[in-house]
Amino acid sequence: MEQNRRFWLEAVKGLNMILLTVPFALVWYLYYRGVILLPFYRRGNWLIIAMFFCLYSAFGTIYDAFTISTNQISEMVYSQSLSAFVSDA
């Protein structure tokens, strides 16, 4: 029972990171790619998206944004917002 619960918590954490990375990737491809002076090629764009994913994961872990079962909703919103802001800025 505990392993099943842990699996689903990890799945929700992964889904959370993916669902925040997808809008970043869309904005990157639809807006920023056309604005920068020397655009990246395909590998550079994927690297930027992977860097965002890694930074969001790191800052989310630092600010306890992924402790879903122990935090209040206001704490989760604050830590998610802080992690997204720091990794996107």
PDB file of N, CA and C in Angstrom:
ATOM      1  N   MET A   1       0.813  -1.185   0.000  1.00  0.00           N
ATOM      2  CA  MET A   1       0.000   0.000   0.000  1.00  0.00           C
ATOM      3  C   MET A   1       0.870   1.268   0.000  1.00  0.00           C
ATOM      4  N   GLU A   2       1.896   1.277   0.801  1.00  0.00           N
ATOM      5  CA  GLU A   2       2.788   2.439   0.875  1.00  0.00           C
ATOM      6  C   GLU A   2       3.530   2.660  -0.447  1.00  0.00           C
ATOM      7  N   GLN A   3       3.939   1.566  -1.104  1.00  0.00           N
ATOM      8  CA  GLN A   3       4.624   1.706  -2.388  1.00  0.00           C
ATOM      9  C   GLN A   3       3.694   2.274  -3.451  1.00  0.00           C
ATOM     10  N   ASN A   4       2.456   1.863  -3.428  1.00  0.00           N
ATOM     11  CA  ASN A   4       1.476   2.370  -4.385  1.00  0.00           C
ATOM     12  C   ASN A   4       1.262   3.866  -4.181  1.00  0.00           C
ATOM     13  N   ARG A   5       1.151   4.285  -2.924  1.00  0.00           N
ATOM     14  CA  ARG A   5       0.980   5.709  -2.618  1.00  0.00           C
ATOM     15  C   ARG A   5       2.201   6.507  -3.041  1.00  0.00           C
ATOM     16  N   ARG A   6       3.370   5.985  -2.773  1.00  0.00           N
ATOM     17  CA  ARG A   6       4.612   6.674  -3.153  1.00  0.00           C
ATOM     18  C   ARG A   6       4.722   6.795  -4.669  1.00  0.00           C
ATOM     19  N   PHE A   7       4.341   5.732  -5.382  1.00  0.00           N
ATOM     20  CA  PHE A   7       4.371   5.769  -6.846  1.00  0.00           C
ATOM     21  C   PHE A   7       3.477   6.882  -7.373  1.00  0.00           C
ATOM     22  N   TRP A   8       2.261   6.983  -6.854  1.00  0.00           N
ATOM     23  CA  TRP A   8       1.335   7.994  -7.342  1.00  0.00           C
ATOM     24  C   TRP A   8       1.790   9.404  -6.975  1.00  0.00           C
ATOM     25  N   LEU A   9       2.414   9.572  -5.814  1.00  0.00           N
ATOM     26  CA  LEU A   9       2.953  10.883  -5.458  1.00  0.00           C
ATOM     27  C   LEU A   9       4.075  11.294  -6.406  1.00  0.00           C
ATOM     28  N   GLU A  10       4.954  10.360  -6.723  1.00  0.00           N
ATOM     29  CA  GLU A  10       6.037  10.655  -7.679  1.00  0.00           C
ATOM     30  C   GLU A  10       5.480  10.936  -9.072  1.00  0.00           C
ATOM     31  N   ALA A  11       4.438  10.223  -9.461  1.00  0.00           N
ATOM     32  CA  ALA A  11       3.812  10.458 -10.768  1.00  0.00           C
ATOM     33  C   ALA A  11       3.190  11.850 -10.825  1.00  0.00           C
ATOM     34  N   VAL A  12       2.548  12.276  -9.751  1.00  0.00           N
ATOM     35  CA  VAL A  12       1.950  13.612  -9.717  1.00  0.00           C
ATOM     36  C   VAL A  12       3.038  14.677  -9.741  1.00  0.00           C
ATOM     37  N   LYS A  13       4.142  14.447  -9.051  1.00  0.00           N
ATOM     38  CA  LYS A  13       5.258  15.397  -9.070  1.00  0.00           C
ATOM     39  C   LYS A  13       5.833  15.530 -10.481  1.00  0.00           C
ATOM     40  N   GLY A  14       6.022  14.415 -11.155  1.00  0.00           N
ATOM     41  CA  GLY A  14       6.528  14.442 -12.524  1.00  0.00           C
ATOM     42  C   GLY A  14       5.564  15.125 -13.473  1.00  0.00           C
ATOM     43  N   LEU A  15       4.270  14.843 -13.318  1.00  0.00           N
ATOM     44  CA  LEU A  15       3.257  15.474 -14.144  1.00  0.00           C
ATOM     45  C   LEU A  15       3.222  16.983 -13.903  1.00  0.00           C
ATOM     46  N   ASN A  16       3.404  17.385 -12.657  1.00  0.00           N
ATOM     47  CA  ASN A  16       3.450  18.806 -12.323  1.00  0.00           C
ATOM     48  C   ASN A  16       4.608  19.497 -13.049  1.00  0.00           C
ATOM     49  N   MET A  17       5.772  18.891 -13.029  1.00  0.00           N
ATOM     50  CA  MET A  17       6.930  19.493 -13.690  1.00  0.00           C
ATOM     51  C   MET A  17       6.722  19.551 -15.204  1.00  0.00           C
ATOM     52  N   ILE A  18       6.151  18.511 -15.770  1.00  0.00           N
ATOM     53  CA  ILE A  18       5.911  18.488 -17.212  1.00  0.00           C
ATOM     54  C   ILE A  18       4.862  19.528 -17.602  1.00  0.00           C
ATOM     55  N   LEU A  19       3.792  19.642 -16.802  1.00  0.00           N
ATOM     56  CA  LEU A  19       2.733  20.586 -17.130  1.00  0.00           C
ATOM     57  C   LEU A  19       3.166  22.039 -16.977  1.00  0.00           C
ATOM     58  N   LEU A  20       4.229  22.291 -16.245  1.00  0.00           N
ATOM     59  CA  LEU A  20       4.750  23.656 -16.194  1.00  0.00           C
ATOM     60  C   LEU A  20       5.806  23.887 -17.267  1.00  0.00           C
ATOM     61  N   THR A  21       6.477  22.842 -17.701  1.00  0.00           N
ATOM     62  CA  THR A  21       7.499  22.977 -18.737  1.00  0.00           C
ATOM     63  C   THR A  21       6.869  23.140 -20.122  1.00  0.00           C
ATOM     64  N   VAL A  22       5.743  22.515 -20.360  1.00  0.00           N
ATOM     65  CA  VAL A  22       5.093  22.599 -21.674  1.00  0.00           C
ATOM     66  C   VAL A  22       4.705  24.038 -22.034  1.00  0.00           C
ATOM     67  N   PRO A  23       4.073  24.818 -21.144  1.00  0.00           N
ATOM     68  CA  PRO A  23       3.806  26.215 -21.517  1.00  0.00           C
ATOM     69  C   PRO A  23       5.083  27.023 -21.744  1.00  0.00           C
ATOM     70  N   PHE A  24       6.125  26.746 -20.956  1.00  0.00           N
ATOM     71  CA  PHE A  24       7.389  27.436 -21.184  1.00  0.00           C
ATOM     72  C   PHE A  24       7.920  27.118 -22.578  1.00  0.00           C
ATOM     73  N   ALA A  25       7.843  25.853 -22.977  1.00  0.00           N
ATOM     74  CA  ALA A  25       8.330  25.446 -24.297  1.00  0.00           C
ATOM     75  C   ALA A  25       7.496  26.109 -25.406  1.00  0.00           C
ATOM     76  N   LEU A  26       6.193  26.172 -25.219  1.00  0.00           N
ATOM     77  CA  LEU A  26       5.346  26.819 -26.218  1.00  0.00           C
ATOM     78  C   LEU A  26       5.670  28.303 -26.355  1.00  0.00           C
ATOM     79  N   VAL A  27       5.847  28.982 -25.233  1.00  0.00           N
ATOM     80  CA  VAL A  27       6.195  30.398 -25.288  1.00  0.00           C
ATOM     81  C   VAL A  27       7.565  30.567 -25.919  1.00  0.00           C
ATOM     82  N   TRP A  28       8.482  29.675 -25.588  1.00  0.00           N
ATOM     83  CA  TRP A  28       9.821  29.777 -26.165  1.00  0.00           C
ATOM     84  C   TRP A  28       9.777  29.625 -27.680  1.00  0.00           C
ATOM     85  N   TYR A  29       9.054  28.627 -28.165  1.00  0.00           N
ATOM     86  CA  TYR A  29       8.993  28.393 -29.605  1.00  0.00           C
ATOM     87  C   TYR A  29       8.155  29.429 -30.346  1.00  0.00           C
ATOM     88  N   LEU A  30       7.068  29.881 -29.745  1.00  0.00           N
ATOM     89  CA  LEU A  30       6.169  30.786 -30.457  1.00  0.00           C
ATOM     90  C   LEU A  30       6.564  32.253 -30.343  1.00  0.00           C
ATOM     91  N   TYR A  31       7.267  32.640 -29.286  1.00  0.00           N
ATOM     92  CA  TYR A  31       7.602  34.048 -29.123  1.00  0.00           C
ATOM     93  C   TYR A  31       9.105  34.310 -29.113  1.00  0.00           C
ATOM     94  N   TYR A  32       9.809  33.729 -28.173  1.00  0.00           N
ATOM     95  CA  TYR A  32      11.215  34.087 -27.970  1.00  0.00           C
ATOM     96  C   TYR A  32      12.108  33.682 -29.132  1.00  0.00           C
ATOM     97  N   ARG A  33      11.786  32.599 -29.808  1.00  0.00           N
ATOM     98  CA  ARG A  33      12.632  32.154 -30.910  1.00  0.00           C
ATOM     99  C   ARG A  33      12.691  33.200 -32.024  1.00  0.00           C
ATOM    100  N   GLY A  34      11.605  33.912 -32.251  1.00  0.00           N
ATOM    101  CA  GLY A  34      11.591  34.933 -33.285  1.00  0.00           C
ATOM    102  C   GLY A  34      12.144  36.269 -32.849  1.00  0.00           C
ATOM    103  N   VAL A  35      12.292  36.472 -31.558  1.00  0.00           N
ATOM    104  CA  VAL A  35      12.716  37.764 -31.039  1.00  0.00           C
ATOM    105  C   VAL A  35      14.235  37.862 -30.889  1.00  0.00           C
ATOM    106  N   ILE A  36      14.893  36.756 -30.530  1.00  0.00           N
ATOM    107  CA  ILE A  36      16.333  36.830 -30.282  1.00  0.00           C
ATOM    108  C   ILE A  36      17.089  37.056 -31.594  1.00  0.00           C
ATOM    109  N   LEU A  37      18.196  37.768 -31.494  1.00  0.00           N
ATOM    110  CA  LEU A  37      18.939  38.164 -32.692  1.00  0.00           C
ATOM    111  C   LEU A  37      19.650  36.994 -33.364  1.00  0.00           C
ATOM    112  N   LEU A  38      20.345  36.191 -32.589  1.00  0.00           N
ATOM    113  CA  LEU A  38      21.027  35.017 -33.132  1.00  0.00           C
ATOM    114  C   LEU A  38      20.308  33.772 -32.626  1.00  0.00           C
ATOM    115  N   PRO A  39      19.324  33.283 -33.385  1.00  0.00           N
ATOM    116  CA  PRO A  39      18.504  32.174 -32.874  1.00  0.00           C
ATOM    117  C   PRO A  39      19.300  30.878 -32.751  1.00  0.00           C
ATOM    118  N   PHE A  40      18.870  30.084 -31.798  1.00  0.00           N
ATOM    119  CA  PHE A  40      19.457  28.768 -31.612  1.00  0.00           C
ATOM    120  C   PHE A  40      18.936  27.842 -32.704  1.00  0.00           C
ATOM    121  N   TYR A  41      19.671  26.805 -32.948  1.00  0.00           N
ATOM    122  CA  TYR A  41      19.145  25.756 -33.807  1.00  0.00           C
ATOM    123  C   TYR A  41      18.366  24.789 -32.936  1.00  0.00           C
ATOM    124  N   ARG A  42      17.909  23.716 -33.462  1.00  0.00           N
ATOM    125  CA  ARG A  42      17.022  22.812 -32.748  1.00  0.00           C
ATOM    126  C   ARG A  42      17.608  22.337 -31.423  1.00  0.00           C
ATOM    127  N   ARG A  43      18.877  21.991 -31.397  1.00  0.00           N
ATOM    128  CA  ARG A  43      19.484  21.499 -30.154  1.00  0.00           C
ATOM    129  C   ARG A  43      19.534  22.579 -29.084  1.00  0.00           C
ATOM    130  N   GLY A  44      19.783  23.813 -29.490  1.00  0.00           N
ATOM    131  CA  GLY A  44      19.831  24.907 -28.528  1.00  0.00           C
ATOM    132  C   GLY A  44      18.478  25.175 -27.896  1.00  0.00           C
ATOM    133  N   ASN A  45      17.425  25.090 -28.698  1.00  0.00           N
ATOM    134  CA  ASN A  45      16.081  25.276 -28.154  1.00  0.00           C
ATOM    135  C   ASN A  45      15.731  24.184 -27.161  1.00  0.00           C
ATOM    136  N   TRP A  46      16.058  22.946 -27.497  1.00  0.00           N
ATOM    137  CA  TRP A  46      15.801  21.842 -26.569  1.00  0.00           C
ATOM    138  C   TRP A  46      16.637  21.980 -25.306  1.00  0.00           C
ATOM    139  N   LEU A  47      17.852  22.506 -25.446  1.00  0.00           N
ATOM    140  CA  LEU A  47      18.711  22.706 -24.278  1.00  0.00           C
ATOM    141  C   LEU A  47      18.121  23.756 -23.344  1.00  0.00           C
ATOM    142  N   ILE A  48      17.583  24.832 -23.885  1.00  0.00           N
ATOM    143  CA  ILE A  48      16.951  25.866 -23.060  1.00  0.00           C
ATOM    144  C   ILE A  48      15.760  25.284 -22.301  1.00  0.00           C
ATOM    145  N   ILE A  49      14.961  24.492 -22.968  1.00  0.00           N
ATOM    146  CA  ILE A  49      13.795  23.874 -22.327  1.00  0.00           C
ATOM    147  C   ILE A  49      14.237  22.877 -21.260  1.00  0.00           C
ATOM    148  N   ALA A  50      15.274  22.104 -21.541  1.00  0.00           N
ATOM    149  CA  ALA A  50      15.799  21.163 -20.547  1.00  0.00           C
ATOM    150  C   ALA A  50      16.398  21.902 -19.355  1.00  0.00           C
ATOM    151  N   MET A  51      17.053  23.037 -19.607  1.00  0.00           N
ATOM    152  CA  MET A  51      17.595  23.832 -18.501  1.00  0.00           C
ATOM    153  C   MET A  51      16.469  24.369 -17.619  1.00  0.00           C
ATOM    154  N   PHE A  52      15.381  24.814 -18.223  1.00  0.00           N
ATOM    155  CA  PHE A  52      14.237  25.277 -17.436  1.00  0.00           C
ATOM    156  C   PHE A  52      13.697  24.141 -16.590  1.00  0.00           C
ATOM    157  N   PHE A  53      13.541  22.954 -17.182  1.00  0.00           N
ATOM    158  CA  PHE A  53      13.026  21.799 -16.457  1.00  0.00           C
ATOM    159  C   PHE A  53      13.920  21.468 -15.266  1.00  0.00           C
ATOM    160  N   CYS A  54      15.238  21.465 -15.485  1.00  0.00           N
ATOM    161  CA  CYS A  54      16.179  21.141 -14.400  1.00  0.00           C
ATOM    162  C   CYS A  54      16.180  22.217 -13.321  1.00  0.00           C
ATOM    163  N   LEU A  55      16.157  23.487 -13.728  1.00  0.00           N
ATOM    164  CA  LEU A  55      16.129  24.568 -12.737  1.00  0.00           C
ATOM    165  C   LEU A  55      14.827  24.556 -11.944  1.00  0.00           C
ATOM    166  N   TYR A  56      13.717  24.333 -12.617  1.00  0.00           N
ATOM    167  CA  TYR A  56      12.442  24.266 -11.909  1.00  0.00           C
ATOM    168  C   TYR A  56      12.429  23.096 -10.936  1.00  0.00           C
ATOM    169  N   SER A  57      12.960  21.973 -11.361  1.00  0.00           N
ATOM    170  CA  SER A  57      13.028  20.812 -10.478  1.00  0.00           C
ATOM    171  C   SER A  57      13.908  21.100  -9.265  1.00  0.00           C
ATOM    172  N   ALA A  58      15.061  21.729  -9.493  1.00  0.00           N
ATOM    173  CA  ALA A  58      15.977  22.031  -8.390  1.00  0.00           C
ATOM    174  C   ALA A  58      15.372  23.035  -7.416  1.00  0.00           C
ATOM    175  N   PHE A  59      14.830  24.142  -7.938  1.00  0.00           N
ATOM    176  CA  PHE A  59      14.248  25.146  -7.053  1.00  0.00           C
ATOM    177  C   PHE A  59      12.962  24.646  -6.399  1.00  0.00           C
ATOM    178  N   GLY A  60      12.216  23.810  -7.092  1.00  0.00           N
ATOM    179  CA  GLY A  60      11.034  23.209  -6.478  1.00  0.00           C
ATOM    180  C   GLY A  60      11.394  22.311  -5.318  1.00  0.00           C
ATOM    181  N   THR A  61      12.497  21.591  -5.447  1.00  0.00           N
ATOM    182  CA  THR A  61      12.957  20.755  -4.349  1.00  0.00           C
ATOM    183  C   THR A  61      13.478  21.604  -3.197  1.00  0.00           C
ATOM    184  N   ILE A  62      14.213  22.664  -3.512  1.00  0.00           N
ATOM    185  CA  ILE A  62      14.749  23.543  -2.472  1.00  0.00           C
ATOM    186  C   ILE A  62      13.626  24.211  -1.682  1.00  0.00           C
ATOM    187  N   TYR A  63      12.611  24.713  -2.367  1.00  0.00           N
ATOM    188  CA  TYR A  63      11.519  25.424  -1.710  1.00  0.00           C
ATOM    189  C   TYR A  63      10.352  24.521  -1.336  1.00  0.00           C
ATOM    190  N   ASP A  64      10.549  23.217  -1.347  1.00  0.00           N
ATOM    191  CA  ASP A  64       9.534  22.228  -0.950  1.00  0.00           C
ATOM    192  C   ASP A  64       8.224  22.378  -1.727  1.00  0.00           C
ATOM    193  N   ALA A  65       8.339  22.607  -3.016  1.00  0.00           N
ATOM    194  CA  ALA A  65       7.146  22.755  -3.841  1.00  0.00           C
ATOM    195  C   ALA A  65       6.506  21.414  -4.170  1.00  0.00           C
ATOM    196  N   PHE A  66       7.208  20.321  -3.930  1.00  0.00           N
ATOM    197  CA  PHE A  66       6.699  19.009  -4.326  1.00  0.00           C
ATOM    198  C   PHE A  66       6.271  18.152  -3.148  1.00  0.00           C
ATOM    199  N   THR A  67       6.228  18.699  -1.956  1.00  0.00           N
ATOM    200  CA  THR A  67       5.740  17.934  -0.807  1.00  0.00           C
ATOM    201  C   THR A  67       4.226  18.086  -0.747  1.00  0.00           C
ATOM    202  N   ILE A  68       3.566  17.371  -1.615  1.00  0.00           N
ATOM    203  CA  ILE A  68       2.134  17.532  -1.845  1.00  0.00           C
ATOM    204  C   ILE A  68       1.311  17.122  -0.629  1.00  0.00           C
ATOM    205  N   SER A  69       1.683  16.047   0.016  1.00  0.00           N
ATOM    206  CA  SER A  69       0.830  15.498   1.066  1.00  0.00           C
ATOM    207  C   SER A  69       0.991  16.189   2.406  1.00  0.00           C
ATOM    208  N   THR A  70       2.004  17.025   2.597  1.00  0.00           N
ATOM    209  CA  THR A  70       2.229  17.616   3.911  1.00  0.00           C
ATOM    210  C   THR A  70       1.995  19.120   3.958  1.00  0.00           C
ATOM    211  N   ASN A  71       1.887  19.790   2.838  1.00  0.00           N
ATOM    212  CA  ASN A  71       1.728  21.248   2.817  1.00  0.00           C
ATOM    213  C   ASN A  71       0.273  21.667   2.722  1.00  0.00           C
ATOM    214  N   GLN A  72       0.027  22.890   3.182  1.00  0.00           N
ATOM    215  CA  GLN A  72      -1.274  23.498   2.943  1.00  0.00           C
ATOM    216  C   GLN A  72      -1.290  24.021   1.510  1.00  0.00           C
ATOM    217  N   ILE A  73      -2.458  24.318   1.007  1.00  0.00           N
ATOM    218  CA  ILE A  73      -2.575  24.769  -0.379  1.00  0.00           C
ATOM    219  C   ILE A  73      -1.882  26.111  -0.566  1.00  0.00           C
ATOM    220  N   SER A  74      -1.997  27.012   0.388  1.00  0.00           N
ATOM    221  CA  SER A  74      -1.361  28.326   0.249  1.00  0.00           C
ATOM    222  C   SER A  74       0.164  28.190   0.211  1.00  0.00           C
ATOM    223  N   GLU A  75       0.723  27.275   0.993  1.00  0.00           N
ATOM    224  CA  GLU A  75       2.164  27.041   0.957  1.00  0.00           C
ATOM    225  C   GLU A  75       2.593  26.452  -0.380  1.00  0.00           C
ATOM    226  N   MET A  76       1.790  25.544  -0.922  1.00  0.00           N
ATOM    227  CA  MET A  76       2.123  24.948  -2.212  1.00  0.00           C
ATOM    228  C   MET A  76       2.065  25.972  -3.325  1.00  0.00           C
ATOM    229  N   VAL A  77       1.056  26.830  -3.325  1.00  0.00           N
ATOM    230  CA  VAL A  77       0.944  27.859  -4.359  1.00  0.00           C
ATOM    231  C   VAL A  77       2.135  28.806  -4.266  1.00  0.00           C
ATOM    232  N   TYR A  78       2.498  29.205  -3.050  1.00  0.00           N
ATOM    233  CA  TYR A  78       3.639  30.102  -2.862  1.00  0.00           C
ATOM    234  C   TYR A  78       4.943  29.463  -3.345  1.00  0.00           C
ATOM    235  N   SER A  79       5.193  28.228  -2.951  1.00  0.00           N
ATOM    236  CA  SER A  79       6.452  27.587  -3.335  1.00  0.00           C
ATOM    237  C   SER A  79       6.493  27.269  -4.827  1.00  0.00           C
ATOM    238  N   GLN A  80       5.367  26.889  -5.425  1.00  0.00           N
ATOM    239  CA  GLN A  80       5.322  26.650  -6.869  1.00  0.00           C
ATOM    240  C   GLN A  80       5.584  27.947  -7.625  1.00  0.00           C
ATOM    241  N   SER A  81       4.952  29.027  -7.187  1.00  0.00           N
ATOM    242  CA  SER A  81       5.131  30.316  -7.842  1.00  0.00           C
ATOM    243  C   SER A  81       6.562  30.813  -7.704  1.00  0.00           C
ATOM    244  N   LEU A  82       7.126  30.660  -6.521  1.00  0.00           N
ATOM    245  CA  LEU A  82       8.503  31.085  -6.293  1.00  0.00           C
ATOM    246  C   LEU A  82       9.473  30.283  -7.153  1.00  0.00           C
ATOM    247  N   SER A  83       9.274  28.981  -7.242  1.00  0.00           N
ATOM    248  CA  SER A  83      10.136  28.135  -8.058  1.00  0.00           C
ATOM    249  C   SER A  83      10.032  28.489  -9.542  1.00  0.00           C
ATOM    250  N   ALA A  84       8.815  28.706 -10.004  1.00  0.00           N
ATOM    251  CA  ALA A  84       8.615  29.053 -11.412  1.00  0.00           C
ATOM    252  C   ALA A  84       9.221  30.418 -11.716  1.00  0.00           C
ATOM    253  N   PHE A  85       9.046  31.381 -10.805  1.00  0.00           N
ATOM    254  CA  PHE A  85       9.592  32.722 -11.028  1.00  0.00           C
ATOM    255  C   PHE A  85      11.116  32.710 -11.062  1.00  0.00           C
ATOM    256  N   VAL A  86      11.725  32.006 -10.125  1.00  0.00           N
ATOM    257  CA  VAL A  86      13.180  31.977 -10.062  1.00  0.00           C
ATOM    258  C   VAL A  86      13.776  31.259 -11.261  1.00  0.00           C
ATOM    259  N   SER A  87      13.161  30.177 -11.688  1.00  0.00           N
ATOM    260  CA  SER A  87      13.723  29.440 -12.826  1.00  0.00           C
ATOM    261  C   SER A  87      13.411  30.122 -14.152  1.00  0.00           C
ATOM    262  N   ASP A  88      12.385  30.936 -14.214  1.00  0.00           N
ATOM    263  CA  ASP A  88      12.024  31.611 -15.463  1.00  0.00           C
ATOM    264  C   ASP A  88      12.689  32.975 -15.590  1.00  0.00           C
ATOM    265  N   ALA A  89      13.096  33.544 -14.488  1.00  0.00           N
ATOM    266  CA  ALA A  89      13.682  34.900 -14.528  1.00  0.00           C
ATOM    267  C   ALA A  89      15.099  34.923 -15.013  1.00  0.00           C
TER     268      ALA A  89
END
